[in-house]
PDB file of all heavy atoms in Angstrom:
ATOM      1  N   LEU A   1       0.799  -1.250  -0.019  1.00  0.00           N
ATOM      2  CA  LEU A   1      -0.019   0.000   0.036  1.00  0.00           C
ATOM      3  C   LEU A   1       0.813   1.223  -0.024  1.00  0.00           C
ATOM      4  O   LEU A   1       0.695   2.128  -0.802  1.00  0.00           O
ATOM      5  CB  LEU A   1      -0.965  -0.011   1.188  1.00  0.00           C
ATOM      6  CG  LEU A   1      -1.739   1.312   1.490  1.00  0.00           C
ATOM      7  CD1 LEU A   1      -2.643   1.630   0.330  1.00  0.00           C
ATOM      8  CD2 LEU A   1      -2.422   1.233   2.870  1.00  0.00           C
ATOM      9  N   MET A   2       1.921   1.334   0.801  1.00  0.00           N
ATOM     10  CA  MET A   2       2.734   2.528   0.937  1.00  0.00           C
ATOM     11  C   MET A   2       3.551   2.693  -0.251  1.00  0.00           C
ATOM     12  O   MET A   2       3.834   3.795  -0.681  1.00  0.00           O
ATOM     13  CB  MET A   2       3.614   2.471   2.192  1.00  0.00           C
ATOM     14  CG  MET A   2       2.829   2.640   3.521  1.00  0.00           C
ATOM     15  SD  MET A   2       1.561   3.953   3.443  1.00  0.00           S
ATOM     16  CE  MET A   2       2.725   5.353   3.247  1.00  0.00           C
ATOM     17  N   ARG A   3       3.972   1.541  -0.907  1.00  0.00           N
ATOM     18  CA  ARG A   3       4.710   1.712  -2.171  1.00  0.00           C
ATOM     19  C   ARG A   3       3.791   2.328  -3.251  1.00  0.00           C
ATOM     20  O   ARG A   3       4.282   3.210  -4.049  1.00  0.00           O
ATOM     21  CB  ARG A   3       5.305   0.332  -2.677  1.00  0.00           C
ATOM     22  CG  ARG A   3       6.440  -0.136  -1.960  1.00  0.00           C
ATOM     23  CD  ARG A   3       7.344  -1.115  -2.812  1.00  0.00           C
ATOM     24  NE  ARG A   3       6.490  -2.323  -3.145  1.00  0.00           N
ATOM     25  CZ  ARG A   3       6.512  -3.443  -2.511  1.00  0.00           C
ATOM     26  NH1 ARG A   3       7.385  -3.538  -1.411  1.00  0.00           N
ATOM     27  NH2 ARG A   3       5.882  -4.477  -2.953  1.00  0.00           N
ATOM     28  N   GLN A   4       2.519   1.946  -3.242  1.00  0.00           N
ATOM     29  CA  GLN A   4       1.655   2.452  -4.138  1.00  0.00           C
ATOM     30  C   GLN A   4       1.277   4.036  -3.959  1.00  0.00           C
ATOM     31  O   GLN A   4       1.190   4.758  -4.805  1.00  0.00           O
ATOM     32  CB  GLN A   4       0.303   1.709  -4.116  1.00  0.00           C
ATOM     33  CG  GLN A   4       0.482   0.306  -4.717  1.00  0.00           C
ATOM     34  CD  GLN A   4      -0.905  -0.488  -4.577  1.00  0.00           C
ATOM     35  OE1 GLN A   4      -1.547  -0.398  -3.624  1.00  0.00           O
ATOM     36  NE2 GLN A   4      -1.178  -1.247  -5.604  1.00  0.00           N
ATOM     37  N   VAL A   5       1.334   4.287  -2.597  1.00  0.00           N
ATOM     38  CA  VAL A   5       1.065   5.720  -2.299  1.00  0.00           C
ATOM     39  C   VAL A   5       2.263   6.569  -2.684  1.00  0.00           C
ATOM     40  O   VAL A   5       2.123   7.657  -3.256  1.00  0.00           O
ATOM     41  CB  VAL A   5       0.822   5.863  -0.736  1.00  0.00           C
ATOM     42  CG1 VAL A   5       0.889   7.347  -0.279  1.00  0.00           C
ATOM     43  CG2 VAL A   5      -0.426   5.199  -0.305  1.00  0.00           C
ATOM     44  N   GLU A   6       3.501   6.105  -2.555  1.00  0.00           N
ATOM     45  CA  GLU A   6       4.725   6.755  -3.001  1.00  0.00           C
ATOM     46  C   GLU A   6       4.673   6.954  -4.518  1.00  0.00           C
ATOM     47  O   GLU A   6       5.084   7.940  -5.078  1.00  0.00           O
ATOM     48  CB  GLU A   6       5.989   6.038  -2.568  1.00  0.00           C
ATOM     49  CG  GLU A   6       6.140   6.143  -1.004  1.00  0.00           C
ATOM     50  CD  GLU A   6       7.329   5.372  -0.614  1.00  0.00           C
ATOM     51  OE1 GLU A   6       7.988   4.763  -1.424  1.00  0.00           O
ATOM     52  OE2 GLU A   6       7.703   5.342   0.657  1.00  0.00           O
ATOM     53  N   ASP A   7       4.271   5.938  -5.237  1.00  0.00           N
ATOM     54  CA  ASP A   7       4.182   5.948  -6.676  1.00  0.00           C
ATOM     55  C   ASP A   7       3.169   7.003  -7.063  1.00  0.00           C
ATOM     56  O   ASP A   7       3.384   7.849  -8.027  1.00  0.00           O
ATOM     57  CB  ASP A   7       3.713   4.604  -7.160  1.00  0.00           C
ATOM     58  CG  ASP A   7       3.764   4.428  -8.737  1.00  0.00           C
ATOM     59  OD1 ASP A   7       4.913   4.721  -9.249  1.00  0.00           O
ATOM     60  OD2 ASP A   7       2.789   4.194  -9.310  1.00  0.00           O
ATOM     61  N   LEU A   8       2.010   7.052  -6.353  1.00  0.00           N
ATOM     62  CA  LEU A   8       0.923   8.031  -6.688  1.00  0.00           C
ATOM     63  C   LEU A   8       1.485   9.473  -6.562  1.00  0.00           C
ATOM     64  O   LEU A   8       1.263  10.327  -7.288  1.00  0.00           O
ATOM     65  CB  LEU A   8      -0.268   7.835  -5.791  1.00  0.00           C
ATOM     66  CG  LEU A   8      -1.391   8.680  -5.780  1.00  0.00           C
ATOM     67  CD1 LEU A   8      -2.710   7.967  -5.359  1.00  0.00           C
ATOM     68  CD2 LEU A   8      -1.185   9.921  -4.723  1.00  0.00           C
ATOM     69  N   ILE A   9       2.221   9.747  -5.404  1.00  0.00           N
ATOM     70  CA  ILE A   9       2.849  11.031  -5.184  1.00  0.00           C
ATOM     71  C   ILE A   9       3.786  11.445  -6.241  1.00  0.00           C
ATOM     72  O   ILE A   9       3.749  12.537  -6.808  1.00  0.00           O
ATOM     73  CB  ILE A   9       3.482  11.057  -3.756  1.00  0.00           C
ATOM     74  CG1 ILE A   9       2.382  10.915  -2.695  1.00  0.00           C
ATOM     75  CG2 ILE A   9       4.314  12.288  -3.676  1.00  0.00           C
ATOM     76  CD1 ILE A   9       2.975  10.788  -1.352  1.00  0.00           C
ATOM     77  N   ILE A  10       4.691  10.443  -6.683  1.00  0.00           N
ATOM     78  CA  ILE A  10       5.655  10.830  -7.674  1.00  0.00           C
ATOM     79  C   ILE A  10       4.976  11.168  -8.946  1.00  0.00           C
ATOM     80  O   ILE A  10       5.390  12.085  -9.638  1.00  0.00           O
ATOM     81  CB  ILE A  10       6.604   9.577  -7.881  1.00  0.00           C
ATOM     82  CG1 ILE A  10       7.490   9.383  -6.560  1.00  0.00           C
ATOM     83  CG2 ILE A  10       7.491   9.758  -9.128  1.00  0.00           C
ATOM     84  CD1 ILE A  10       8.323   8.070  -6.678  1.00  0.00           C
ATOM     85  N   LYS A  11       4.001  10.315  -9.462  1.00  0.00           N
ATOM     86  CA  LYS A  11       3.307  10.646 -10.679  1.00  0.00           C
ATOM     87  C   LYS A  11       2.503  12.027 -10.650  1.00  0.00           C
ATOM     88  O   LYS A  11       2.578  12.692 -11.584  1.00  0.00           O
ATOM     89  CB  LYS A  11       2.304   9.520 -10.974  1.00  0.00           C
ATOM     90  CG  LYS A  11       3.067   8.224 -11.415  1.00  0.00           C
ATOM     91  CD  LYS A  11       2.044   7.004 -11.518  1.00  0.00           C
ATOM     92  CE  LYS A  11       2.768   5.760 -12.010  1.00  0.00           C
ATOM     93  NZ  LYS A  11       1.911   4.657 -12.226  1.00  0.00           N
ATOM     94  N   ALA A  12       2.049  12.333  -9.475  1.00  0.00           N
ATOM     95  CA  ALA A  12       1.322  13.596  -9.397  1.00  0.00           C
ATOM     96  C   ALA A  12       2.290  14.755  -9.517  1.00  0.00           C
ATOM     97  O   ALA A  12       1.950  15.735 -10.256  1.00  0.00           O
ATOM     98  CB  ALA A  12       0.586  13.748  -8.042  1.00  0.00           C
ATOM     99  N   VAL A  13       3.430  14.674  -8.896  1.00  0.00           N
ATOM    100  CA  VAL A  13       4.454  15.767  -9.086  1.00  0.00           C
ATOM    101  C   VAL A  13       4.937  15.793 -10.399  1.00  0.00           C
ATOM    102  O   VAL A  13       5.225  16.845 -11.012  1.00  0.00           O
ATOM    103  CB  VAL A  13       5.579  15.590  -7.956  1.00  0.00           C
ATOM    104  CG1 VAL A  13       6.710  16.656  -8.154  1.00  0.00           C
ATOM    105  CG2 VAL A  13       5.047  15.693  -6.626  1.00  0.00           C
ATOM    106  N   LEU A  14       5.218  14.672 -11.032  1.00  0.00           N
ATOM    107  CA  LEU A  14       5.724  14.605 -12.399  1.00  0.00           C
ATOM    108  C   LEU A  14       4.735  15.261 -13.364  1.00  0.00           C
ATOM    109  O   LEU A  14       5.237  15.880 -14.414  1.00  0.00           O
ATOM    110  CB  LEU A  14       6.030  13.195 -12.783  1.00  0.00           C
ATOM    111  CG  LEU A  14       7.231  12.493 -12.327  1.00  0.00           C
ATOM    112  CD1 LEU A  14       7.305  11.040 -12.650  1.00  0.00           C
ATOM    113  CD2 LEU A  14       8.532  13.202 -12.824  1.00  0.00           C
ATOM    114  N   SER A  15       3.492  15.181 -13.172  1.00  0.00           N
ATOM    115  CA  SER A  15       2.533  15.763 -13.966  1.00  0.00           C
ATOM    116  C   SER A  15       2.620  17.200 -14.158  1.00  0.00           C
ATOM    117  O   SER A  15       2.208  17.957 -15.170  1.00  0.00           O
ATOM    118  CB  SER A  15       1.083  15.376 -13.597  1.00  0.00           C
ATOM    119  OG  SER A  15       0.721  16.078 -12.378  1.00  0.00           O
ATOM    120  N   ALA A  16       3.200  17.902 -13.128  1.00  0.00           N
ATOM    121  CA  ALA A  16       3.355  19.399 -13.122  1.00  0.00           C
ATOM    122  C   ALA A  16       4.846  19.780 -13.128  1.00  0.00           C
ATOM    123  O   ALA A  16       5.079  21.003 -13.166  1.00  0.00           O
ATOM    124  CB  ALA A  16       2.689  19.959 -11.831  1.00  0.00           C
ATOM    125  N   GLU A  17       5.644  18.846 -13.365  1.00  0.00           N
ATOM    126  CA  GLU A  17       7.138  19.102 -13.218  1.00  0.00           C
ATOM    127  C   GLU A  17       7.565  20.139 -14.325  1.00  0.00           C
ATOM    128  O   GLU A  17       8.337  21.094 -14.063  1.00  0.00           O
ATOM    129  CB  GLU A  17       7.812  17.835 -13.346  1.00  0.00           C
ATOM    130  CG  GLU A  17       9.396  18.075 -13.372  1.00  0.00           C
ATOM    131  CD  GLU A  17      10.187  16.769 -13.818  1.00  0.00           C
ATOM    132  OE1 GLU A  17       9.568  15.876 -14.412  1.00  0.00           O
ATOM    133  OE2 GLU A  17      11.465  16.735 -13.657  1.00  0.00           O
ATOM    134  N   LEU A  18       7.174  19.867 -15.511  1.00  0.00           N
ATOM    135  CA  LEU A  18       7.687  20.741 -16.697  1.00  0.00           C
ATOM    136  C   LEU A  18       7.313  22.119 -16.526  1.00  0.00           C
ATOM    137  O   LEU A  18       8.128  23.085 -16.655  1.00  0.00           O
ATOM    138  CB  LEU A  18       7.172  20.271 -17.987  1.00  0.00           C
ATOM    139  CG  LEU A  18       7.621  21.022 -19.279  1.00  0.00           C
ATOM    140  CD1 LEU A  18       9.147  21.006 -19.354  1.00  0.00           C
ATOM    141  CD2 LEU A  18       6.835  20.373 -20.501  1.00  0.00           C
ATOM    142  N   GLN A  19       6.008  22.462 -16.134  1.00  0.00           N
ATOM    143  CA  GLN A  19       5.611  23.839 -16.019  1.00  0.00           C
ATOM    144  C   GLN A  19       6.285  24.508 -14.847  1.00  0.00           C
ATOM    145  O   GLN A  19       6.650  25.679 -14.969  1.00  0.00           O
ATOM    146  CB  GLN A  19       4.064  23.886 -15.840  1.00  0.00           C
ATOM    147  CG  GLN A  19       3.255  23.479 -17.055  1.00  0.00           C
ATOM    148  CD  GLN A  19       3.045  21.915 -17.093  1.00  0.00           C
ATOM    149  OE1 GLN A  19       3.736  21.217 -16.332  1.00  0.00           O
ATOM    150  NE2 GLN A  19       2.017  21.521 -17.922  1.00  0.00           N
ATOM    151  N   ILE A  20       6.422  23.784 -13.716  1.00  0.00           N
ATOM    152  CA  ILE A  20       7.078  24.451 -12.598  1.00  0.00           C
ATOM    153  C   ILE A  20       8.558  24.632 -12.717  1.00  0.00           C
ATOM    154  O   ILE A  20       9.024  25.725 -12.407  1.00  0.00           O
ATOM    155  CB  ILE A  20       6.683  23.566 -11.343  1.00  0.00           C
ATOM    156  CG1 ILE A  20       5.232  23.574 -11.077  1.00  0.00           C
ATOM    157  CG2 ILE A  20       7.456  24.215 -10.055  1.00  0.00           C
ATOM    158  CD1 ILE A  20       4.798  22.745  -9.865  1.00  0.00           C
ATOM    159  N   ALA A  21       9.200  23.643 -13.360  1.00  0.00           N
ATOM    160  CA  ALA A  21      10.632  23.736 -13.630  1.00  0.00           C
ATOM    161  C   ALA A  21      10.952  24.905 -14.570  1.00  0.00           C
ATOM    162  O   ALA A  21      11.867  25.694 -14.420  1.00  0.00           O
ATOM    163  CB  ALA A  21      11.126  22.407 -14.098  1.00  0.00           C
ATOM    164  N   THR A  22      10.050  25.038 -15.550  1.00  0.00           N
ATOM    165  CA  THR A  22      10.233  26.118 -16.504  1.00  0.00           C
ATOM    166  C   THR A  22      10.054  27.497 -15.816  1.00  0.00           C
ATOM    167  O   THR A  22      10.891  28.476 -15.978  1.00  0.00           O
ATOM    168  CB  THR A  22       9.257  26.017 -17.624  1.00  0.00           C
ATOM    169  OG1 THR A  22       9.388  24.773 -18.319  1.00  0.00           O
ATOM    170  CG2 THR A  22       9.442  27.191 -18.667  1.00  0.00           C
ATOM    171  N   ALA A  23       9.082  27.647 -14.972  1.00  0.00           N
ATOM    172  CA  ALA A  23       8.770  28.841 -14.245  1.00  0.00           C
ATOM    173  C   ALA A  23       9.967  29.109 -13.277  1.00  0.00           C
ATOM    174  O   ALA A  23      10.368  30.358 -13.066  1.00  0.00           O
ATOM    175  CB  ALA A  23       7.527  28.742 -13.399  1.00  0.00           C
ATOM    176  N   CYS A  24      10.535  28.137 -12.594  1.00  0.00           N
ATOM    177  CA  CYS A  24      11.638  28.258 -11.723  1.00  0.00           C
ATOM    178  C   CYS A  24      12.868  28.892 -12.444  1.00  0.00           C
ATOM    179  O   CYS A  24      13.629  29.778 -11.929  1.00  0.00           O
ATOM    180  CB  CYS A  24      12.007  26.992 -10.997  1.00  0.00           C
ATOM    181  SG  CYS A  24      10.778  26.461  -9.782  1.00  0.00           S
ATOM    182  N   LYS A  25      13.156  28.370 -13.659  1.00  0.00           N
ATOM    183  CA  LYS A  25      14.267  28.918 -14.428  1.00  0.00           C
ATOM    184  C   LYS A  25      14.095  30.341 -14.789  1.00  0.00           C
ATOM    185  O   LYS A  25      15.045  31.036 -14.872  1.00  0.00           O
ATOM    186  CB  LYS A  25      14.448  28.062 -15.702  1.00  0.00           C
ATOM    187  CG  LYS A  25      14.868  26.605 -15.403  1.00  0.00           C
ATOM    188  CD  LYS A  25      15.058  25.815 -16.783  1.00  0.00           C
ATOM    189  CE  LYS A  25      15.563  24.458 -16.540  1.00  0.00           C
ATOM    190  NZ  LYS A  25      15.647  23.559 -17.789  1.00  0.00           N
ATOM    191  N   MET A  26      12.859  30.791 -14.937  1.00  0.00           N
ATOM    192  CA  MET A  26      12.574  32.120 -15.293  1.00  0.00           C
ATOM    193  C   MET A  26      12.702  33.146 -14.103  1.00  0.00           C
ATOM    194  O   MET A  26      13.111  34.205 -14.254  1.00  0.00           O
ATOM    195  CB  MET A  26      11.225  32.231 -16.017  1.00  0.00           C
ATOM    196  CG  MET A  26      11.133  31.628 -17.324  1.00  0.00           C
ATOM    197  SD  MET A  26       9.406  31.682 -18.007  1.00  0.00           S
ATOM    198  CE  MET A  26       9.296  33.361 -18.162  1.00  0.00           C
ATOM    199  N   PHE A  27      12.093  32.582 -12.906  1.00  0.00           N
ATOM    200  CA  PHE A  27      11.886  33.633 -11.874  1.00  0.00           C
ATOM    201  C   PHE A  27      12.729  33.280 -10.631  1.00  0.00           C
ATOM    202  O   PHE A  27      12.710  34.028  -9.696  1.00  0.00           O
ATOM    203  CB  PHE A  27      10.379  33.556 -11.534  1.00  0.00           C
ATOM    204  CG  PHE A  27       9.485  33.926 -12.667  1.00  0.00           C
ATOM    205  CD1 PHE A  27       8.705  33.021 -13.232  1.00  0.00           C
ATOM    206  CD2 PHE A  27       9.521  35.259 -13.166  1.00  0.00           C
ATOM    207  CE1 PHE A  27       7.746  33.301 -14.272  1.00  0.00           C
ATOM    208  CE2 PHE A  27       8.678  35.541 -14.170  1.00  0.00           C
ATOM    209  CZ  PHE A  27       7.815  34.591 -14.834  1.00  0.00           C
ATOM    210  N   VAL A  28      13.344  32.167 -10.638  1.00  0.00           N
ATOM    211  CA  VAL A  28      14.229  31.710  -9.394  1.00  0.00           C
ATOM    212  C   VAL A  28      15.682  31.548  -9.764  1.00  0.00           C
ATOM    213  O   VAL A  28      16.074  30.502 -10.118  1.00  0.00           O
ATOM    214  CB  VAL A  28      13.611  30.464  -8.740  1.00  0.00           C
ATOM    215  CG1 VAL A  28      14.348  30.238  -7.415  1.00  0.00           C
ATOM    216  CG2 VAL A  28      12.115  30.636  -8.530  1.00  0.00           C
ATOM    217  N   PRO A  29      16.420  32.638  -9.778  1.00  0.00           N
ATOM    218  CA  PRO A  29      17.848  32.484 -10.142  1.00  0.00           C
ATOM    219  C   PRO A  29      18.678  31.645  -9.303  1.00  0.00           C
ATOM    220  O   PRO A  29      19.551  30.987  -9.696  1.00  0.00           O
ATOM    221  CB  PRO A  29      18.293  33.972 -10.099  1.00  0.00           C
ATOM    222  CG  PRO A  29      17.467  34.692  -9.190  1.00  0.00           C
ATOM    223  CD  PRO A  29      16.089  34.031  -9.343  1.00  0.00           C
ATOM    224  N   HIS A  30      18.265  31.549  -7.950  1.00  0.00           N
ATOM    225  CA  HIS A  30      19.015  30.674  -7.007  1.00  0.00           C
ATOM    226  C   HIS A  30      18.147  29.574  -6.576  1.00  0.00           C
ATOM    227  O   HIS A  30      17.348  29.695  -5.586  1.00  0.00           O
ATOM    228  CB  HIS A  30      19.502  31.455  -5.913  1.00  0.00           C
ATOM    229  CG  HIS A  30      20.388  32.712  -6.239  1.00  0.00           C
ATOM    230  ND1 HIS A  30      21.551  32.591  -6.764  1.00  0.00           N
ATOM    231  CD2 HIS A  30      20.079  33.978  -6.235  1.00  0.00           C
ATOM    232  CE1 HIS A  30      22.096  33.708  -7.091  1.00  0.00           C
ATOM    233  NE2 HIS A  30      21.238  34.626  -6.790  1.00  0.00           N
ATOM    234  N   LYS A  31      18.031  28.539  -7.308  1.00  0.00           N
ATOM    235  CA  LYS A  31      16.930  27.489  -7.173  1.00  0.00           C
ATOM    236  C   LYS A  31      17.098  26.817  -5.815  1.00  0.00           C
ATOM    237  O   LYS A  31      16.084  26.218  -5.229  1.00  0.00           O
ATOM    238  CB  LYS A  31      17.013  26.442  -8.231  1.00  0.00           C
ATOM    239  CG  LYS A  31      18.388  25.659  -8.337  1.00  0.00           C
ATOM    240  CD  LYS A  31      18.366  24.693  -9.525  1.00  0.00           C
ATOM    241  CE  LYS A  31      19.696  23.895  -9.606  1.00  0.00           C
ATOM    242  NZ  LYS A  31      19.693  22.999 -10.747  1.00  0.00           N
ATOM    243  N   ALA A  32      18.273  26.828  -5.163  1.00  0.00           N
ATOM    244  CA  ALA A  32      18.404  26.245  -3.854  1.00  0.00           C
ATOM    245  C   ALA A  32      17.753  27.025  -2.712  1.00  0.00           C
ATOM    246  O   ALA A  32      17.704  26.532  -1.565  1.00  0.00           O
ATOM    247  CB  ALA A  32      19.944  25.993  -3.472  1.00  0.00           C
ATOM    248  N   ASN A  33      17.280  28.173  -3.010  1.00  0.00           N
ATOM    249  CA  ASN A  33      16.694  29.043  -2.016  1.00  0.00           C
ATOM    250  C   ASN A  33      15.098  28.709  -1.824  1.00  0.00           C
ATOM    251  O   ASN A  33      14.548  29.400  -0.903  1.00  0.00           O
ATOM    252  CB  ASN A  33      16.763  30.505  -2.433  1.00  0.00           C
ATOM    253  CG  ASN A  33      18.273  30.970  -2.311  1.00  0.00           C
ATOM    254  OD1 ASN A  33      19.068  30.219  -1.876  1.00  0.00           O
ATOM    255  ND2 ASN A  33      18.412  32.199  -2.635  1.00  0.00           N
ATOM    256  N   CYS A  34      14.643  27.841  -2.611  1.00  0.00           N
ATOM    257  CA  CYS A  34      13.160  27.656  -2.614  1.00  0.00           C
ATOM    258  C   CYS A  34      12.818  26.165  -2.226  1.00  0.00           C
ATOM    259  O   CYS A  34      13.502  25.180  -2.602  1.00  0.00           O
ATOM    260  CB  CYS A  34      12.504  28.058  -3.929  1.00  0.00           C
ATOM    261  SG  CYS A  34      12.641  29.782  -4.323  1.00  0.00           S
ATOM    262  N   PHE A  35      11.606  26.065  -1.668  1.00  0.00           N
ATOM    263  CA  PHE A  35      11.055  24.715  -1.455  1.00  0.00           C
ATOM    264  C   PHE A  35       9.535  24.910  -1.370  1.00  0.00           C
ATOM    265  O   PHE A  35       9.098  25.920  -1.143  1.00  0.00           O
ATOM    266  CB  PHE A  35      11.627  23.951  -0.166  1.00  0.00           C
ATOM    267  CG  PHE A  35      11.150  24.694   1.068  1.00  0.00           C
ATOM    268  CD1 PHE A  35      10.032  24.315   1.846  1.00  0.00           C
ATOM    269  CD2 PHE A  35      11.872  25.781   1.658  1.00  0.00           C
ATOM    270  CE1 PHE A  35       9.613  24.950   2.944  1.00  0.00           C
ATOM    271  CE2 PHE A  35      11.533  26.412   2.836  1.00  0.00           C
ATOM    272  CZ  PHE A  35      10.391  26.002   3.426  1.00  0.00           C
ATOM    273  N   GLU A  36       8.823  23.776  -1.481  1.00  0.00           N
ATOM    274  CA  GLU A  36       7.380  23.746  -1.367  1.00  0.00           C
ATOM    275  C   GLU A  36       6.865  22.715  -0.635  1.00  0.00           C
ATOM    276  O   GLU A  36       7.241  21.451  -0.784  1.00  0.00           O
ATOM    277  CB  GLU A  36       6.714  23.711  -2.848  1.00  0.00           C
ATOM    278  CG  GLU A  36       5.266  24.020  -2.872  1.00  0.00           C
ATOM    279  CD  GLU A  36       4.952  25.511  -2.789  1.00  0.00           C
ATOM    280  OE1 GLU A  36       5.328  26.236  -3.599  1.00  0.00           O
ATOM    281  OE2 GLU A  36       4.224  25.867  -1.723  1.00  0.00           O
ATOM    282  N   LEU A  37       5.911  22.939   0.359  1.00  0.00           N
ATOM    283  CA  LEU A  37       5.250  22.000   1.141  1.00  0.00           C
ATOM    284  C   LEU A  37       3.814  21.694   0.533  1.00  0.00           C
ATOM    285  O   LEU A  37       3.074  22.697   0.322  1.00  0.00           O
ATOM    286  CB  LEU A  37       5.130  22.459   2.510  1.00  0.00           C
ATOM    287  CG  LEU A  37       4.256  21.546   3.517  1.00  0.00           C
ATOM    288  CD1 LEU A  37       4.921  20.142   3.644  1.00  0.00           C
ATOM    289  CD2 LEU A  37       4.028  22.153   4.836  1.00  0.00           C
ATOM    290  N   TYR A  38       3.539  20.498   0.208  1.00  0.00           N
ATOM    291  CA  TYR A  38       2.250  20.067  -0.306  1.00  0.00           C
ATOM    292  C   TYR A  38       1.535  19.161   0.689  1.00  0.00           C
ATOM    293  O   TYR A  38       2.118  18.476   1.472  1.00  0.00           O
ATOM    294  CB  TYR A  38       2.304  19.368  -1.664  1.00  0.00           C
ATOM    295  CG  TYR A  38       3.103  20.160  -2.696  1.00  0.00           C
ATOM    296  CD1 TYR A  38       4.362  19.914  -3.081  1.00  0.00           C
ATOM    297  CD2 TYR A  38       2.333  21.166  -3.473  1.00  0.00           C
ATOM    298  CE1 TYR A  38       4.999  20.509  -4.092  1.00  0.00           C
ATOM    299  CE2 TYR A  38       2.999  21.793  -4.478  1.00  0.00           C
ATOM    300  CZ  TYR A  38       4.323  21.557  -4.820  1.00  0.00           C
ATOM    301  OH  TYR A  38       4.980  22.153  -5.814  1.00  0.00           O
ATOM    302  N   GLY A  39       0.154  19.325   0.619  1.00  0.00           N
ATOM    303  CA  GLY A  39      -0.676  18.451   1.423  1.00  0.00           C
ATOM    304  C   GLY A  39      -1.409  17.487   0.488  1.00  0.00           C
ATOM    305  O   GLY A  39      -2.290  17.938  -0.281  1.00  0.00           O
ATOM    306  N   PHE A  40      -0.970  16.251   0.456  1.00  0.00           N
ATOM    307  CA  PHE A  40      -1.685  15.270  -0.386  1.00  0.00           C
ATOM    308  C   PHE A  40      -2.797  14.567   0.297  1.00  0.00           C
ATOM    309  O   PHE A  40      -2.588  13.998   1.408  1.00  0.00           O
ATOM    310  CB  PHE A  40      -0.634  14.174  -0.900  1.00  0.00           C
ATOM    311  CG  PHE A  40       0.173  14.560  -2.118  1.00  0.00           C
ATOM    312  CD1 PHE A  40       1.122  15.560  -1.986  1.00  0.00           C
ATOM    313  CD2 PHE A  40       0.001  13.907  -3.246  1.00  0.00           C
ATOM    314  CE1 PHE A  40       1.794  15.936  -3.165  1.00  0.00           C
ATOM    315  CE2 PHE A  40       0.735  14.230  -4.309  1.00  0.00           C
ATOM    316  CZ  PHE A  40       1.657  15.308  -4.373  1.00  0.00           C
ATOM    317  N   ASP A  41      -4.005  14.556  -0.301  1.00  0.00           N
ATOM    318  CA  ASP A  41      -5.097  13.961   0.245  1.00  0.00           C
ATOM    319  C   ASP A  41      -5.350  12.682  -0.532  1.00  0.00           C
ATOM    320  O   ASP A  41      -5.688  12.683  -1.690  1.00  0.00           O
ATOM    321  CB  ASP A  41      -6.415  14.777   0.308  1.00  0.00           C
ATOM    322  CG  ASP A  41      -6.299  16.002   1.195  1.00  0.00           C
ATOM    323  OD1 ASP A  41      -5.411  15.889   2.076  1.00  0.00           O
ATOM    324  OD2 ASP A  41      -7.014  16.930   0.997  1.00  0.00           O
ATOM    325  N   VAL A  42      -5.265  11.472   0.182  1.00  0.00           N
ATOM    326  CA  VAL A  42      -5.338  10.275  -0.483  1.00  0.00           C
ATOM    327  C   VAL A  42      -6.474   9.357   0.121  1.00  0.00           C
ATOM    328  O   VAL A  42      -6.675   9.315   1.340  1.00  0.00           O
ATOM    329  CB  VAL A  42      -4.051   9.450  -0.383  1.00  0.00           C
ATOM    330  CG1 VAL A  42      -4.169   8.111  -0.881  1.00  0.00           C
ATOM    331  CG2 VAL A  42      -2.807  10.221  -0.937  1.00  0.00           C
ATOM    332  N   LEU A  43      -7.330   8.863  -0.834  1.00  0.00           N
ATOM    333  CA  LEU A  43      -8.337   7.915  -0.367  1.00  0.00           C
ATOM    334  C   LEU A  43      -7.996   6.456  -0.739  1.00  0.00           C
ATOM    335  O   LEU A  43      -7.469   6.208  -1.843  1.00  0.00           O
ATOM    336  CB  LEU A  43      -9.675   8.255  -1.054  1.00  0.00           C
ATOM    337  CG  LEU A  43     -10.892   7.296  -0.846  1.00  0.00           C
ATOM    338  CD1 LEU A  43     -11.468   7.625   0.571  1.00  0.00           C
ATOM    339  CD2 LEU A  43     -11.959   7.462  -1.868  1.00  0.00           C
ATOM    340  N   ILE A  44      -8.188   5.591   0.195  1.00  0.00           N
ATOM    341  CA  ILE A  44      -7.938   4.100  -0.080  1.00  0.00           C
ATOM    342  C   ILE A  44      -9.116   3.411  -0.293  1.00  0.00           C
ATOM    343  O   ILE A  44     -10.150   3.575   0.535  1.00  0.00           O
ATOM    344  CB  ILE A  44      -7.075   3.558   1.129  1.00  0.00           C
ATOM    345  CG1 ILE A  44      -5.801   4.394   1.425  1.00  0.00           C
ATOM    346  CG2 ILE A  44      -6.792   2.067   0.850  1.00  0.00           C
ATOM    347  CD1 ILE A  44      -5.252   4.051   2.762  1.00  0.00           C
TER     348      ILE A  44
END
């Protein structure tokens, strides 16, 4: 179950990776200065 949950989280982040990575290159010159906390709601 937890392996599947981790897989779900990875796929969800990958779905938005390109757009966010592109925006970071444009607006965040020092990429190590930023992080994001997300709250994932999962139903079993």
